[in-house]
Amino acid sequence: MYGWNDGMGLWGYVLMSISMVVVWGAIITGIVLLARSLRAPSPYGAHPQPPRMAEDVLAERFARGEIDAAEYQNRLAVLRGHPGT
């Protein structure tokens, strides 16, 4: 009388199983991606920059035009331990 008394059949169970795997896979993937985005960055992942040397800073200031050639040479001599040359 109802017409549905045969159950889902084989294909119904196959599709239900596949869809359950897809749904749980999406849920687990979402949780993993969320956990990765909330995790703090590792201090071991990035390489620290080496400390800048005083001569490098002086050369950058000279290149930007903040100091002239005479002042650059004078300060470079002081840094190298030869003041007044």
C-alpha atoms as a PDB file:
ATOM      1  CA  MET A   1       0.000   0.000   0.000  1.00  0.00           C
ATOM      2  CA  TYR A   2       2.772   2.467   0.820  1.00  0.00           C
ATOM      3  CA  GLY A   3       5.085   1.556  -2.035  1.00  0.00           C
ATOM      4  CA  TRP A   4       8.266   2.130   0.017  1.00  0.00           C
ATOM      5  CA  ASN A   5       8.502  -1.106   1.891  1.00  0.00           C
ATOM      6  CA  ASP A   6      11.548  -2.373  -0.031  1.00  0.00           C
ATOM      7  CA  GLY A   7      13.987  -0.140   1.932  1.00  0.00           C
ATOM      8  CA  MET A   8      16.756   1.962   0.436  1.00  0.00           C
ATOM      9  CA  GLY A   9      18.352  -0.740  -1.625  1.00  0.00           C
ATOM     10  CA  LEU A  10      22.043  -1.154  -2.329  1.00  0.00           C
ATOM     11  CA  TRP A  11      22.563   2.232  -4.002  1.00  0.00           C
ATOM     12  CA  GLY A  12      20.914   4.037  -1.126  1.00  0.00           C
ATOM     13  CA  TYR A  13      23.383   2.527   1.326  1.00  0.00           C
ATOM     14  CA  VAL A  14      26.335   3.246  -0.977  1.00  0.00           C
ATOM     15  CA  LEU A  15      25.359   6.903  -1.442  1.00  0.00           C
ATOM     16  CA  MET A  16      24.666   7.306   2.272  1.00  0.00           C
ATOM     17  CA  SER A  17      28.109   5.883   3.123  1.00  0.00           C
ATOM     18  CA  ILE A  18      29.890   8.096   0.613  1.00  0.00           C
ATOM     19  CA  SER A  19      28.074  11.217   1.781  1.00  0.00           C
ATOM     20  CA  MET A  20      28.867  10.403   5.416  1.00  0.00           C
ATOM     21  CA  VAL A  21      32.594  10.109   4.589  1.00  0.00           C
ATOM     22  CA  VAL A  22      32.487  13.424   2.681  1.00  0.00           C
ATOM     23  CA  VAL A  23      30.694  15.240   5.520  1.00  0.00           C
ATOM     24  CA  TRP A  24      33.069  13.943   8.209  1.00  0.00           C
ATOM     25  CA  GLY A  25      36.051  14.733   5.989  1.00  0.00           C
ATOM     26  CA  ALA A  26      34.825  18.311   5.584  1.00  0.00           C
ATOM     27  CA  ILE A  27      34.283  18.683   9.333  1.00  0.00           C
ATOM     28  CA  ILE A  28      37.748  17.326  10.192  1.00  0.00           C
ATOM     29  CA  THR A  29      39.394  19.467   7.498  1.00  0.00           C
ATOM     30  CA  GLY A  30      37.650  22.562   8.849  1.00  0.00           C
ATOM     31  CA  ILE A  31      38.800  21.829  12.400  1.00  0.00           C
ATOM     32  CA  VAL A  32      42.403  21.275  11.281  1.00  0.00           C
ATOM     33  CA  LEU A  33      42.468  24.475   9.218  1.00  0.00           C
ATOM     34  CA  LEU A  34      40.965  26.468  12.069  1.00  0.00           C
ATOM     35  CA  ALA A  35      43.513  25.078  14.537  1.00  0.00           C
ATOM     36  CA  ARG A  36      46.384  25.928  12.182  1.00  0.00           C
ATOM     37  CA  SER A  37      45.188  29.491  11.674  1.00  0.00           C
ATOM     38  CA  LEU A  38      44.831  30.105  15.421  1.00  0.00           C
ATOM     39  CA  ARG A  39      48.208  28.629  16.325  1.00  0.00           C
ATOM     40  CA  ALA A  40      50.947  31.133  17.106  1.00  0.00           C
ATOM     41  CA  PRO A  41      53.827  31.228  14.613  1.00  0.00           C
ATOM     42  CA  SER A  42      56.821  29.182  15.618  1.00  0.00           C
ATOM     43  CA  PRO A  43      59.952  31.130  16.569  1.00  0.00           C
ATOM     44  CA  TYR A  44      62.013  28.389  14.938  1.00  0.00           C
ATOM     45  CA  GLY A  45      60.314  28.782  11.553  1.00  0.00           C
ATOM     46  CA  ALA A  46      61.692  32.184  10.610  1.00  0.00           C
ATOM     47  CA  HIS A  47      65.389  32.938  10.486  1.00  0.00           C
ATOM     48  CA  PRO A  48      66.340  35.997  12.552  1.00  0.00           C
ATOM     49  CA  GLN A  49      67.982  38.865  10.733  1.00  0.00           C
ATOM     50  CA  PRO A  50      71.666  39.292  11.508  1.00  0.00           C
ATOM     51  CA  PRO A  51      72.445  42.411  13.534  1.00  0.00           C
ATOM     52  CA  ARG A  52      73.235  45.446  11.446  1.00  0.00           C
ATOM     53  CA  MET A  53      76.805  46.608  11.655  1.00  0.00           C
ATOM     54  CA  ALA A  54      77.557  50.263  12.375  1.00  0.00           C
ATOM     55  CA  GLU A  55      79.426  50.618   9.080  1.00  0.00           C
ATOM     56  CA  ASP A  56      76.381  49.333   7.180  1.00  0.00           C
ATOM     57  CA  VAL A  57      74.130  51.883   8.874  1.00  0.00           C
ATOM     58  CA  LEU A  58      76.635  54.621   8.103  1.00  0.00           C
ATOM     59  CA  ALA A  59      76.825  53.548   4.453  1.00  0.00           C
ATOM     60  CA  GLU A  60      73.014  53.586   4.202  1.00  0.00           C
ATOM     61  CA  ARG A  61      72.880  57.114   5.630  1.00  0.00           C
ATOM     62  CA  PHE A  62      75.503  58.227   3.117  1.00  0.00           C
ATOM     63  CA  ALA A  63      73.585  56.577   0.269  1.00  0.00           C
ATOM     64  CA  ARG A  64      70.367  58.345   1.306  1.00  0.00           C
ATOM     65  CA  GLY A  65      72.199  61.681   1.338  1.00  0.00           C
ATOM     66  CA  GLU A  66      71.813  62.321   5.060  1.00  0.00           C
ATOM     67  CA  ILE A  67      75.558  62.905   5.449  1.00  0.00           C
ATOM     68  CA  ASP A  68      78.177  64.152   2.989  1.00  0.00           C
ATOM     69  CA  ALA A  69      81.381  62.417   1.897  1.00  0.00           C
ATOM     70  CA  ALA A  70      83.645  64.194   4.403  1.00  0.00           C
ATOM     71  CA  GLU A  71      81.396  63.344   7.332  1.00  0.00           C
ATOM     72  CA  TYR A  72      81.105  59.763   6.065  1.00  0.00           C
ATOM     73  CA  GLN A  73      84.887  59.355   5.871  1.00  0.00           C
ATOM     74  CA  ASN A  74      85.371  60.952   9.309  1.00  0.00           C
ATOM     75  CA  ARG A  75      82.788  58.720  10.998  1.00  0.00           C
ATOM     76  CA  LEU A  76      84.063  55.628   9.197  1.00  0.00           C
ATOM     77  CA  ALA A  77      87.590  56.339  10.465  1.00  0.00           C
ATOM     78  CA  VAL A  78      86.262  56.718  14.017  1.00  0.00           C
ATOM     79  CA  LEU A  79      84.425  53.420  13.746  1.00  0.00           C
ATOM     80  CA  ARG A  80      87.537  51.661  12.515  1.00  0.00           C
ATOM     81  CA  GLY A  81      89.646  53.107  15.334  1.00  0.00           C
ATOM     82  CA  HIS A  82      91.583  55.726  13.358  1.00  0.00           C
ATOM     83  CA  PRO A  83      90.109  59.092  14.449  1.00  0.00           C
ATOM     84  CA  GLY A  84      91.470  62.257  12.865  1.00  0.00           C
ATOM     85  CA  THR A  85      92.644  60.700   9.606  1.00  0.00           C
END
